[in-house]
Amino acid sequence: MELGTYVELHGRPAVRFVRVYEHPIDRVWSAVTDATELQHWFPSSVDIDLRAGGTVSFSGDPNLESSSGVVLACDPPRHLAFTWGEDELHFDLEPLGGSCRFTLTNVLAEQDTAARNGSGWSVCLRELDAQMEGQPTGGPHSDSNKALFWPLYDAYVAAGVPSGAEIPAAP
């Protein structure tokens, strides 16, 4: 499984993931913005008011309480950014003919969350990869995905990605 990359953006720590899907940009945009599709791969149930300043509601994550965020930017079907707690999530989509380059960047509030969040997003994106290939998904909180978390976390730490943040519910 491909690990994300630790980067710094404007002085803030972040983890970034890039995928290429053999689908048009509109199909990938739907997977990133439609609540019904997000439930297959995103760690929380999400409802997004797709406009700058709109509300993002998060619920159903067994590791976090329900919360809300704010849409920072929305440029369908190329860019969506919103807050989640003190973090920011940026989804960038670029058409490549009939394919689409998908980039997820999690801008972190704290550097020591990079390995933890990177591991979590690696698990989630495994589910998005399956969904985009038309394969069944169990969701990021399935038992098989929970078993992947610690080996991924160890791989991030071994790669030198900052770690040490509390892990809310050890899988």
N, C-alpha and C. Protein backbone atom coordinates (compact mmCIF):
# COMPACT_ATOMS: atom_id res chain seq x y z
N MET A 1 0.85 -1.17 0.00
CA MET A 1 0.00 0.00 0.00
C MET A 1 0.89 1.24 0.00
N GLU A 2 0.54 2.17 -0.82
CA GLU A 2 1.34 3.38 -0.99
C GLU A 2 1.14 4.34 0.18
N LEU A 3 2.25 4.80 0.74
CA LEU A 3 2.20 5.77 1.84
C LEU A 3 2.05 7.18 1.28
N GLY A 4 1.52 8.06 2.11
CA GLY A 4 1.47 9.46 1.76
C GLY A 4 2.84 10.09 1.97
N THR A 5 2.94 11.34 1.62
CA THR A 5 4.19 12.09 1.72
C THR A 5 4.03 13.18 2.78
N TYR A 6 5.03 13.30 3.64
CA TYR A 6 5.03 14.39 4.63
C TYR A 6 5.60 15.62 3.95
N VAL A 7 4.88 16.75 4.04
CA VAL A 7 5.31 18.01 3.44
C VAL A 7 5.03 19.14 4.42
N GLU A 8 5.59 20.29 4.15
CA GLU A 8 5.25 21.50 4.88
C GLU A 8 4.70 22.51 3.88
N LEU A 9 3.56 23.10 4.21
CA LEU A 9 2.90 24.06 3.34
C LEU A 9 2.74 25.37 4.11
N HIS A 10 3.40 26.39 3.64
CA HIS A 10 3.31 27.70 4.28
C HIS A 10 3.59 27.61 5.77
N GLY A 11 4.60 26.80 6.12
CA GLY A 11 5.01 26.65 7.50
C GLY A 11 4.18 25.69 8.33
N ARG A 12 3.21 25.03 7.70
CA ARG A 12 2.38 24.07 8.43
C ARG A 12 2.69 22.65 7.96
N PRO A 13 2.69 21.68 8.89
CA PRO A 13 2.91 20.30 8.49
C PRO A 13 1.69 19.75 7.76
N ALA A 14 1.92 18.79 6.87
CA ALA A 14 0.82 18.18 6.11
C ALA A 14 1.23 16.79 5.62
N VAL A 15 0.23 15.98 5.34
CA VAL A 15 0.45 14.72 4.64
C VAL A 15 -0.35 14.79 3.35
N ARG A 16 0.27 14.29 2.28
CA ARG A 16 -0.33 14.40 0.95
C ARG A 16 -0.36 13.03 0.28
N PHE A 17 -1.44 12.79 -0.43
CA PHE A 17 -1.65 11.53 -1.14
C PHE A 17 -2.07 11.84 -2.57
N VAL A 18 -1.51 11.12 -3.53
CA VAL A 18 -1.86 11.32 -4.93
C VAL A 18 -2.26 9.97 -5.52
N ARG A 19 -3.37 9.96 -6.21
CA ARG A 19 -3.85 8.78 -6.91
C ARG A 19 -4.26 9.20 -8.32
N VAL A 20 -4.21 8.26 -9.24
CA VAL A 20 -4.78 8.48 -10.57
C VAL A 20 -5.87 7.44 -10.76
N TYR A 21 -7.07 7.92 -11.05
CA TYR A 21 -8.21 7.04 -11.27
C TYR A 21 -8.58 7.06 -12.74
N GLU A 22 -8.91 5.91 -13.25
CA GLU A 22 -9.29 5.76 -14.66
C GLU A 22 -10.76 6.11 -14.85
N HIS A 23 -11.12 7.27 -14.35
CA HIS A 23 -12.49 7.77 -14.44
C HIS A 23 -12.43 9.26 -14.75
N PRO A 24 -13.47 9.78 -15.38
CA PRO A 24 -13.50 11.23 -15.63
C PRO A 24 -13.59 12.02 -14.32
N ILE A 25 -13.18 13.25 -14.38
CA ILE A 25 -13.12 14.11 -13.20
C ILE A 25 -14.48 14.19 -12.48
N ASP A 26 -15.58 14.25 -13.23
CA ASP A 26 -16.89 14.36 -12.59
C ASP A 26 -17.21 13.14 -11.73
N ARG A 27 -16.77 11.97 -12.15
CA ARG A 27 -17.00 10.74 -11.37
C ARG A 27 -16.20 10.80 -10.06
N VAL A 28 -14.96 11.25 -10.12
CA VAL A 28 -14.13 11.34 -8.92
C VAL A 28 -14.67 12.44 -8.01
N TRP A 29 -15.11 13.56 -8.58
CA TRP A 29 -15.69 14.65 -7.79
C TRP A 29 -16.89 14.12 -6.99
N SER A 30 -17.71 13.31 -7.61
CA SER A 30 -18.86 12.73 -6.92
C SER A 30 -18.42 11.88 -5.73
N ALA A 31 -17.37 11.10 -5.89
CA ALA A 31 -16.86 10.26 -4.80
C ALA A 31 -16.36 11.10 -3.63
N VAL A 32 -15.93 12.34 -3.92
CA VAL A 32 -15.36 13.22 -2.90
C VAL A 32 -16.42 14.12 -2.25
N THR A 33 -17.55 14.32 -2.90
CA THR A 33 -18.51 15.30 -2.39
C THR A 33 -19.89 14.75 -2.05
N ASP A 34 -20.26 13.61 -2.60
CA ASP A 34 -21.59 13.05 -2.39
C ASP A 34 -21.60 12.24 -1.09
N ALA A 35 -22.49 12.58 -0.16
CA ALA A 35 -22.53 11.91 1.15
C ALA A 35 -22.71 10.41 1.02
N THR A 36 -23.49 9.96 0.05
CA THR A 36 -23.71 8.52 -0.14
C THR A 36 -22.42 7.82 -0.55
N GLU A 37 -21.62 8.47 -1.37
CA GLU A 37 -20.35 7.87 -1.80
C GLU A 37 -19.27 8.01 -0.73
N LEU A 38 -19.26 9.13 -0.02
CA LEU A 38 -18.26 9.34 1.04
C LEU A 38 -18.38 8.28 2.14
N GLN A 39 -19.58 7.81 2.39
CA GLN A 39 -19.77 6.83 3.47
C GLN A 39 -18.99 5.54 3.25
N HIS A 40 -18.58 5.28 2.02
CA HIS A 40 -17.83 4.06 1.71
C HIS A 40 -16.35 4.17 2.04
N TRP A 41 -15.83 5.40 2.13
CA TRP A 41 -14.38 5.52 2.33
C TRP A 41 -13.95 6.57 3.34
N PHE A 42 -14.74 7.57 3.58
CA PHE A 42 -14.35 8.65 4.49
C PHE A 42 -14.57 8.18 5.93
N PRO A 43 -13.74 8.61 6.90
CA PRO A 43 -13.85 8.07 8.26
C PRO A 43 -15.09 8.49 9.04
N SER A 44 -15.80 9.51 8.60
CA SER A 44 -17.03 9.96 9.24
C SER A 44 -18.11 10.08 8.19
N SER A 45 -19.36 10.07 8.64
CA SER A 45 -20.44 10.47 7.75
C SER A 45 -20.28 11.97 7.57
N VAL A 46 -20.45 12.43 6.34
CA VAL A 46 -20.18 13.83 6.04
C VAL A 46 -21.33 14.41 5.22
N ASP A 47 -21.74 15.60 5.59
CA ASP A 47 -22.71 16.36 4.81
C ASP A 47 -22.06 17.71 4.54
N ILE A 48 -21.90 18.05 3.25
CA ILE A 48 -21.16 19.25 2.87
C ILE A 48 -22.07 20.22 2.12
N ASP A 49 -22.13 21.44 2.59
CA ASP A 49 -22.78 22.53 1.87
C ASP A 49 -21.72 23.09 0.93
N LEU A 50 -21.78 22.68 -0.34
CA LEU A 50 -20.71 22.92 -1.31
C LEU A 50 -20.65 24.37 -1.80
N ARG A 51 -20.22 25.24 -0.89
CA ARG A 51 -19.98 26.64 -1.23
C ARG A 51 -19.02 27.19 -0.18
N ALA A 52 -18.19 28.13 -0.58
CA ALA A 52 -17.27 28.75 0.38
C ALA A 52 -18.09 29.32 1.53
N GLY A 53 -17.68 29.00 2.75
CA GLY A 53 -18.40 29.43 3.93
C GLY A 53 -19.48 28.45 4.38
N GLY A 54 -19.75 27.43 3.55
CA GLY A 54 -20.75 26.43 3.90
C GLY A 54 -20.31 25.57 5.07
N THR A 55 -21.26 24.87 5.64
CA THR A 55 -20.99 24.01 6.79
C THR A 55 -20.71 22.58 6.34
N VAL A 56 -19.77 21.95 7.02
CA VAL A 56 -19.49 20.53 6.84
C VAL A 56 -19.82 19.85 8.16
N SER A 57 -20.71 18.88 8.14
CA SER A 57 -21.09 18.17 9.36
C SER A 57 -20.46 16.78 9.35
N PHE A 58 -19.81 16.42 10.45
CA PHE A 58 -19.15 15.12 10.62
C PHE A 58 -19.86 14.36 11.73
N SER A 59 -20.16 13.09 11.48
CA SER A 59 -20.77 12.26 12.53
C SER A 59 -20.46 10.80 12.23
N GLY A 60 -20.68 9.96 13.22
CA GLY A 60 -20.58 8.53 13.00
C GLY A 60 -19.19 7.93 13.06
N ASP A 61 -18.15 8.72 13.30
CA ASP A 61 -16.81 8.16 13.44
C ASP A 61 -16.71 7.60 14.85
N PRO A 62 -16.41 6.29 14.99
CA PRO A 62 -16.36 5.72 16.33
C PRO A 62 -15.23 6.28 17.21
N ASN A 63 -14.29 7.00 16.60
CA ASN A 63 -13.16 7.55 17.36
C ASN A 63 -13.30 9.03 17.69
N LEU A 64 -14.32 9.69 17.14
CA LEU A 64 -14.47 11.13 17.34
C LEU A 64 -15.92 11.50 17.61
N GLU A 65 -16.11 12.57 18.35
CA GLU A 65 -17.45 13.09 18.55
C GLU A 65 -17.91 13.82 17.29
N SER A 66 -19.22 13.94 17.13
CA SER A 66 -19.76 14.69 16.00
C SER A 66 -19.26 16.13 16.09
N SER A 67 -19.03 16.74 14.93
CA SER A 67 -18.53 18.10 14.90
C SER A 67 -18.90 18.73 13.57
N SER A 68 -18.47 19.97 13.40
CA SER A 68 -18.71 20.65 12.13
C SER A 68 -17.47 21.43 11.74
N GLY A 69 -17.37 21.69 10.45
CA GLY A 69 -16.30 22.47 9.90
C GLY A 69 -16.85 23.49 8.93
N VAL A 70 -15.96 24.18 8.26
CA VAL A 70 -16.35 25.23 7.32
C VAL A 70 -15.68 24.96 5.98
N VAL A 71 -16.43 25.12 4.90
CA VAL A 71 -15.87 25.02 3.56
C VAL A 71 -15.01 26.25 3.32
N LEU A 72 -13.72 26.03 3.05
CA LEU A 72 -12.79 27.13 2.80
C LEU A 72 -12.80 27.54 1.34
N ALA A 73 -12.98 26.56 0.45
CA ALA A 73 -12.99 26.83 -0.99
C ALA A 73 -13.74 25.70 -1.69
N CYS A 74 -14.47 26.06 -2.73
CA CYS A 74 -15.19 25.06 -3.52
C CYS A 74 -15.21 25.52 -4.97
N ASP A 75 -14.54 24.78 -5.83
CA ASP A 75 -14.47 25.08 -7.26
C ASP A 75 -14.75 23.77 -8.01
N PRO A 76 -16.05 23.40 -8.12
CA PRO A 76 -16.40 22.13 -8.77
C PRO A 76 -15.93 22.09 -10.21
N PRO A 77 -15.45 21.00 -10.69
CA PRO A 77 -15.13 19.74 -10.01
C PRO A 77 -13.63 19.61 -9.72
N ARG A 78 -12.96 20.72 -9.45
CA ARG A 78 -11.50 20.68 -9.33
C ARG A 78 -10.94 20.83 -7.93
N HIS A 79 -11.65 21.53 -7.04
CA HIS A 79 -11.05 21.80 -5.74
C HIS A 79 -12.12 21.94 -4.66
N LEU A 80 -11.84 21.29 -3.53
CA LEU A 80 -12.67 21.43 -2.35
C LEU A 80 -11.73 21.47 -1.15
N ALA A 81 -11.93 22.42 -0.25
CA ALA A 81 -11.14 22.50 0.97
C ALA A 81 -12.08 22.85 2.12
N PHE A 82 -11.86 22.17 3.26
CA PHE A 82 -12.66 22.48 4.44
C PHE A 82 -11.88 22.17 5.70
N THR A 83 -12.37 22.74 6.80
CA THR A 83 -11.75 22.50 8.09
C THR A 83 -12.38 21.26 8.72
N TRP A 84 -11.54 20.57 9.50
CA TRP A 84 -12.03 19.46 10.33
C TRP A 84 -11.26 19.59 11.63
N GLY A 85 -11.92 20.10 12.65
CA GLY A 85 -11.21 20.47 13.86
C GLY A 85 -10.25 21.59 13.51
N GLU A 86 -9.00 21.45 13.93
CA GLU A 86 -7.99 22.46 13.61
C GLU A 86 -7.22 22.13 12.33
N ASP A 87 -7.52 20.97 11.73
CA ASP A 87 -6.89 20.57 10.48
C ASP A 87 -7.68 21.13 9.29
N GLU A 88 -7.04 21.07 8.13
CA GLU A 88 -7.72 21.39 6.87
C GLU A 88 -7.56 20.18 5.94
N LEU A 89 -8.59 19.91 5.15
CA LEU A 89 -8.53 18.90 4.12
C LEU A 89 -8.69 19.60 2.78
N HIS A 90 -7.80 19.28 1.85
CA HIS A 90 -7.83 19.84 0.50
C HIS A 90 -7.91 18.69 -0.49
N PHE A 91 -8.90 18.73 -1.35
CA PHE A 91 -9.07 17.75 -2.41
C PHE A 91 -8.87 18.47 -3.73
N ASP A 92 -7.88 18.05 -4.50
CA ASP A 92 -7.61 18.66 -5.80
C ASP A 92 -7.73 17.59 -6.86
N LEU A 93 -8.49 17.89 -7.91
CA LEU A 93 -8.72 16.96 -9.00
C LEU A 93 -8.26 17.61 -10.30
N GLU A 94 -7.53 16.84 -11.08
CA GLU A 94 -7.01 17.33 -12.36
C GLU A 94 -7.35 16.33 -13.45
N PRO A 95 -8.06 16.78 -14.50
CA PRO A 95 -8.38 15.84 -15.58
C PRO A 95 -7.13 15.45 -16.35
N LEU A 96 -7.06 14.18 -16.70
CA LEU A 96 -5.96 13.65 -17.52
C LEU A 96 -6.59 12.86 -18.66
N GLY A 97 -7.14 13.57 -19.62
CA GLY A 97 -7.89 12.87 -20.67
C GLY A 97 -9.14 12.29 -20.04
N GLY A 98 -9.32 10.96 -20.14
CA GLY A 98 -10.46 10.30 -19.51
C GLY A 98 -10.20 9.89 -18.08
N SER A 99 -9.01 10.17 -17.58
CA SER A 99 -8.63 9.83 -16.20
C SER A 99 -8.63 11.09 -15.34
N CYS A 100 -8.30 10.89 -14.06
CA CYS A 100 -8.28 12.03 -13.13
C CYS A 100 -7.18 11.82 -12.09
N ARG A 101 -6.36 12.85 -11.89
CA ARG A 101 -5.40 12.83 -10.79
C ARG A 101 -6.10 13.43 -9.57
N PHE A 102 -6.10 12.66 -8.50
CA PHE A 102 -6.74 13.03 -7.24
C PHE A 102 -5.64 13.27 -6.21
N THR A 103 -5.65 14.43 -5.58
CA THR A 103 -4.69 14.74 -4.53
C THR A 103 -5.45 15.13 -3.27
N LEU A 104 -5.15 14.43 -2.18
CA LEU A 104 -5.69 14.75 -0.87
C LEU A 104 -4.55 15.27 -0.03
N THR A 105 -4.70 16.48 0.51
CA THR A 105 -3.71 17.06 1.41
C THR A 105 -4.39 17.36 2.74
N ASN A 106 -3.86 16.75 3.80
CA ASN A 106 -4.35 17.02 5.16
C ASN A 106 -3.34 17.96 5.81
N VAL A 107 -3.71 19.25 5.90
CA VAL A 107 -2.87 20.23 6.57
C VAL A 107 -3.15 20.09 8.06
N LEU A 108 -2.09 19.83 8.81
CA LEU A 108 -2.21 19.45 10.21
C LEU A 108 -2.06 20.62 11.17
N ALA A 109 -2.78 20.56 12.27
CA ALA A 109 -2.61 21.57 13.32
C ALA A 109 -1.34 21.30 14.11
N GLU A 110 -0.98 20.02 14.25
CA GLU A 110 0.18 19.63 15.04
C GLU A 110 1.06 18.66 14.24
N GLN A 111 2.34 18.89 14.24
CA GLN A 111 3.28 18.07 13.48
C GLN A 111 3.25 16.61 13.92
N ASP A 112 3.10 16.34 15.22
CA ASP A 112 3.19 14.96 15.70
C ASP A 112 1.99 14.10 15.31
N THR A 113 1.00 14.69 14.62
CA THR A 113 -0.15 13.90 14.15
C THR A 113 0.08 13.32 12.75
N ALA A 114 1.21 13.63 12.13
CA ALA A 114 1.43 13.24 10.73
C ALA A 114 1.39 11.72 10.53
N ALA A 115 2.11 10.95 11.32
CA ALA A 115 2.11 9.49 11.14
C ALA A 115 0.73 8.90 11.43
N ARG A 116 0.09 9.38 12.47
CA ARG A 116 -1.26 8.89 12.81
C ARG A 116 -2.24 9.18 11.68
N ASN A 117 -2.30 10.44 11.26
CA ASN A 117 -3.24 10.81 10.21
C ASN A 117 -2.88 10.16 8.88
N GLY A 118 -1.58 10.07 8.59
CA GLY A 118 -1.16 9.41 7.36
C GLY A 118 -1.63 7.97 7.32
N SER A 119 -1.52 7.26 8.44
CA SER A 119 -1.97 5.87 8.51
C SER A 119 -3.48 5.78 8.30
N GLY A 120 -4.20 6.68 8.96
CA GLY A 120 -5.66 6.68 8.80
C GLY A 120 -6.09 6.96 7.38
N TRP A 121 -5.46 7.96 6.74
CA TRP A 121 -5.82 8.27 5.36
C TRP A 121 -5.41 7.15 4.41
N SER A 122 -4.30 6.49 4.69
CA SER A 122 -3.91 5.35 3.85
C SER A 122 -4.99 4.28 3.87
N VAL A 123 -5.54 4.01 5.05
CA VAL A 123 -6.63 3.03 5.17
C VAL A 123 -7.86 3.53 4.40
N CYS A 124 -8.23 4.79 4.61
CA CYS A 124 -9.41 5.34 3.93
C CYS A 124 -9.25 5.31 2.42
N LEU A 125 -8.08 5.69 1.94
CA LEU A 125 -7.87 5.73 0.49
C LEU A 125 -7.82 4.32 -0.12
N ARG A 126 -7.47 3.33 0.68
CA ARG A 126 -7.58 1.95 0.21
C ARG A 126 -9.05 1.65 -0.14
N GLU A 127 -9.95 2.14 0.69
CA GLU A 127 -11.37 1.95 0.43
C GLU A 127 -11.84 2.77 -0.78
N LEU A 128 -11.33 3.99 -0.93
CA LEU A 128 -11.69 4.79 -2.10
C LEU A 128 -11.16 4.11 -3.36
N ASP A 129 -9.94 3.59 -3.31
CA ASP A 129 -9.39 2.87 -4.47
C ASP A 129 -10.32 1.74 -4.88
N ALA A 130 -10.78 0.94 -3.90
CA ALA A 130 -11.67 -0.18 -4.18
C ALA A 130 -12.99 0.32 -4.76
N GLN A 131 -13.53 1.36 -4.16
CA GLN A 131 -14.79 1.93 -4.64
C GLN A 131 -14.67 2.38 -6.09
N MET A 132 -13.57 3.05 -6.41
CA MET A 132 -13.39 3.56 -7.78
C MET A 132 -13.20 2.42 -8.78
N GLU A 133 -12.76 1.26 -8.30
CA GLU A 133 -12.61 0.09 -9.17
C GLU A 133 -13.87 -0.77 -9.21
N GLY A 134 -14.93 -0.32 -8.51
CA GLY A 134 -16.17 -1.06 -8.51
C GLY A 134 -16.15 -2.29 -7.61
N GLN A 135 -15.18 -2.34 -6.70
CA GLN A 135 -15.08 -3.47 -5.78
C GLN A 135 -15.85 -3.16 -4.51
N PRO A 136 -16.29 -4.20 -3.81
CA PRO A 136 -17.00 -3.95 -2.55
C PRO A 136 -16.08 -3.31 -1.52
N THR A 137 -16.65 -2.47 -0.69
CA THR A 137 -15.88 -1.81 0.37
C THR A 137 -16.52 -2.12 1.71
N GLY A 138 -15.70 -2.27 2.72
CA GLY A 138 -16.21 -2.52 4.06
C GLY A 138 -16.20 -1.26 4.90
N GLY A 139 -15.67 -0.19 4.35
CA GLY A 139 -15.55 1.05 5.10
C GLY A 139 -14.24 1.08 5.87
N PRO A 140 -13.75 2.27 6.19
CA PRO A 140 -12.45 2.37 6.83
C PRO A 140 -12.40 1.79 8.23
N HIS A 141 -13.55 1.58 8.86
CA HIS A 141 -13.57 1.06 10.23
C HIS A 141 -13.82 -0.44 10.28
N SER A 142 -13.77 -1.11 9.12
CA SER A 142 -13.96 -2.56 9.11
C SER A 142 -12.81 -3.24 9.83
N ASP A 143 -13.03 -4.46 10.29
CA ASP A 143 -11.99 -5.20 11.01
C ASP A 143 -10.73 -5.36 10.17
N SER A 144 -10.89 -5.66 8.87
CA SER A 144 -9.71 -5.85 8.03
C SER A 144 -8.90 -4.56 7.91
N ASN A 145 -9.58 -3.43 7.85
CA ASN A 145 -8.86 -2.16 7.78
C ASN A 145 -8.25 -1.77 9.11
N LYS A 146 -8.92 -2.09 10.21
CA LYS A 146 -8.34 -1.81 11.53
C LYS A 146 -7.01 -2.54 11.68
N ALA A 147 -6.93 -3.74 11.14
CA ALA A 147 -5.70 -4.53 11.24
C ALA A 147 -4.56 -3.91 10.44
N LEU A 148 -4.86 -3.09 9.46
CA LEU A 148 -3.84 -2.44 8.64
C LEU A 148 -3.21 -1.22 9.32
N PHE A 149 -3.92 -0.63 10.27
CA PHE A 149 -3.48 0.65 10.83
C PHE A 149 -2.07 0.57 11.42
N TRP A 150 -1.82 -0.37 12.32
CA TRP A 150 -0.53 -0.38 13.02
C TRP A 150 0.65 -0.67 12.10
N PRO A 151 0.55 -1.62 11.16
CA PRO A 151 1.68 -1.78 10.23
C PRO A 151 1.94 -0.50 9.41
N LEU A 152 0.87 0.19 9.03
CA LEU A 152 1.04 1.45 8.30
C LEU A 152 1.67 2.50 9.20
N TYR A 153 1.20 2.59 10.42
CA TYR A 153 1.77 3.56 11.36
C TYR A 153 3.26 3.30 11.54
N ASP A 154 3.63 2.04 11.73
CA ASP A 154 5.05 1.69 11.87
C ASP A 154 5.85 2.07 10.63
N ALA A 155 5.25 1.91 9.45
CA ALA A 155 5.94 2.28 8.20
C ALA A 155 6.15 3.79 8.12
N TYR A 156 5.16 4.55 8.52
CA TYR A 156 5.31 6.02 8.54
C TYR A 156 6.41 6.44 9.51
N VAL A 157 6.40 5.86 10.70
CA VAL A 157 7.42 6.20 11.69
C VAL A 157 8.81 5.81 11.18
N ALA A 158 8.92 4.62 10.57
CA ALA A 158 10.20 4.17 10.02
C ALA A 158 10.68 5.09 8.90
N ALA A 159 9.74 5.72 8.19
CA ALA A 159 10.09 6.64 7.11
C ALA A 159 10.45 8.03 7.63
N GLY A 160 10.38 8.22 8.95
CA GLY A 160 10.76 9.50 9.54
C GLY A 160 9.64 10.51 9.62
N VAL A 161 8.41 10.08 9.41
CA VAL A 161 7.28 10.99 9.49
C VAL A 161 7.03 11.30 10.98
N PRO A 162 6.84 12.57 11.34
CA PRO A 162 6.63 12.92 12.74
C PRO A 162 5.48 12.14 13.37
N SER A 163 5.70 11.69 14.60
CA SER A 163 4.71 10.86 15.28
C SER A 163 4.65 11.26 16.74
N GLY A 164 3.85 10.55 17.51
CA GLY A 164 3.77 10.76 18.94
C GLY A 164 2.42 11.23 19.43
N ALA A 165 1.53 11.64 18.52
CA ALA A 165 0.20 12.10 18.95
C ALA A 165 -0.61 10.92 19.48
N GLU A 166 -1.51 11.24 20.36
CA GLU A 166 -2.42 10.21 20.88
C GLU A 166 -3.22 9.60 19.75
N ILE A 167 -3.43 8.30 19.82
CA ILE A 167 -4.26 7.61 18.85
C ILE A 167 -5.57 7.32 19.57
N PRO A 168 -6.69 7.96 19.14
CA PRO A 168 -7.93 7.95 19.92
C PRO A 168 -8.42 6.57 20.35
N ALA A 169 -8.45 5.63 19.45
CA ALA A 169 -8.90 4.28 19.81
C ALA A 169 -7.98 3.33 19.09
N ALA A 170 -7.08 2.75 19.83
CA ALA A 170 -6.13 1.82 19.20
C ALA A 170 -6.90 0.69 18.54
N PRO A 171 -6.72 0.53 17.24
CA PRO A 171 -7.45 -0.54 16.52
C PRO A 171 -7.01 -1.90 17.00
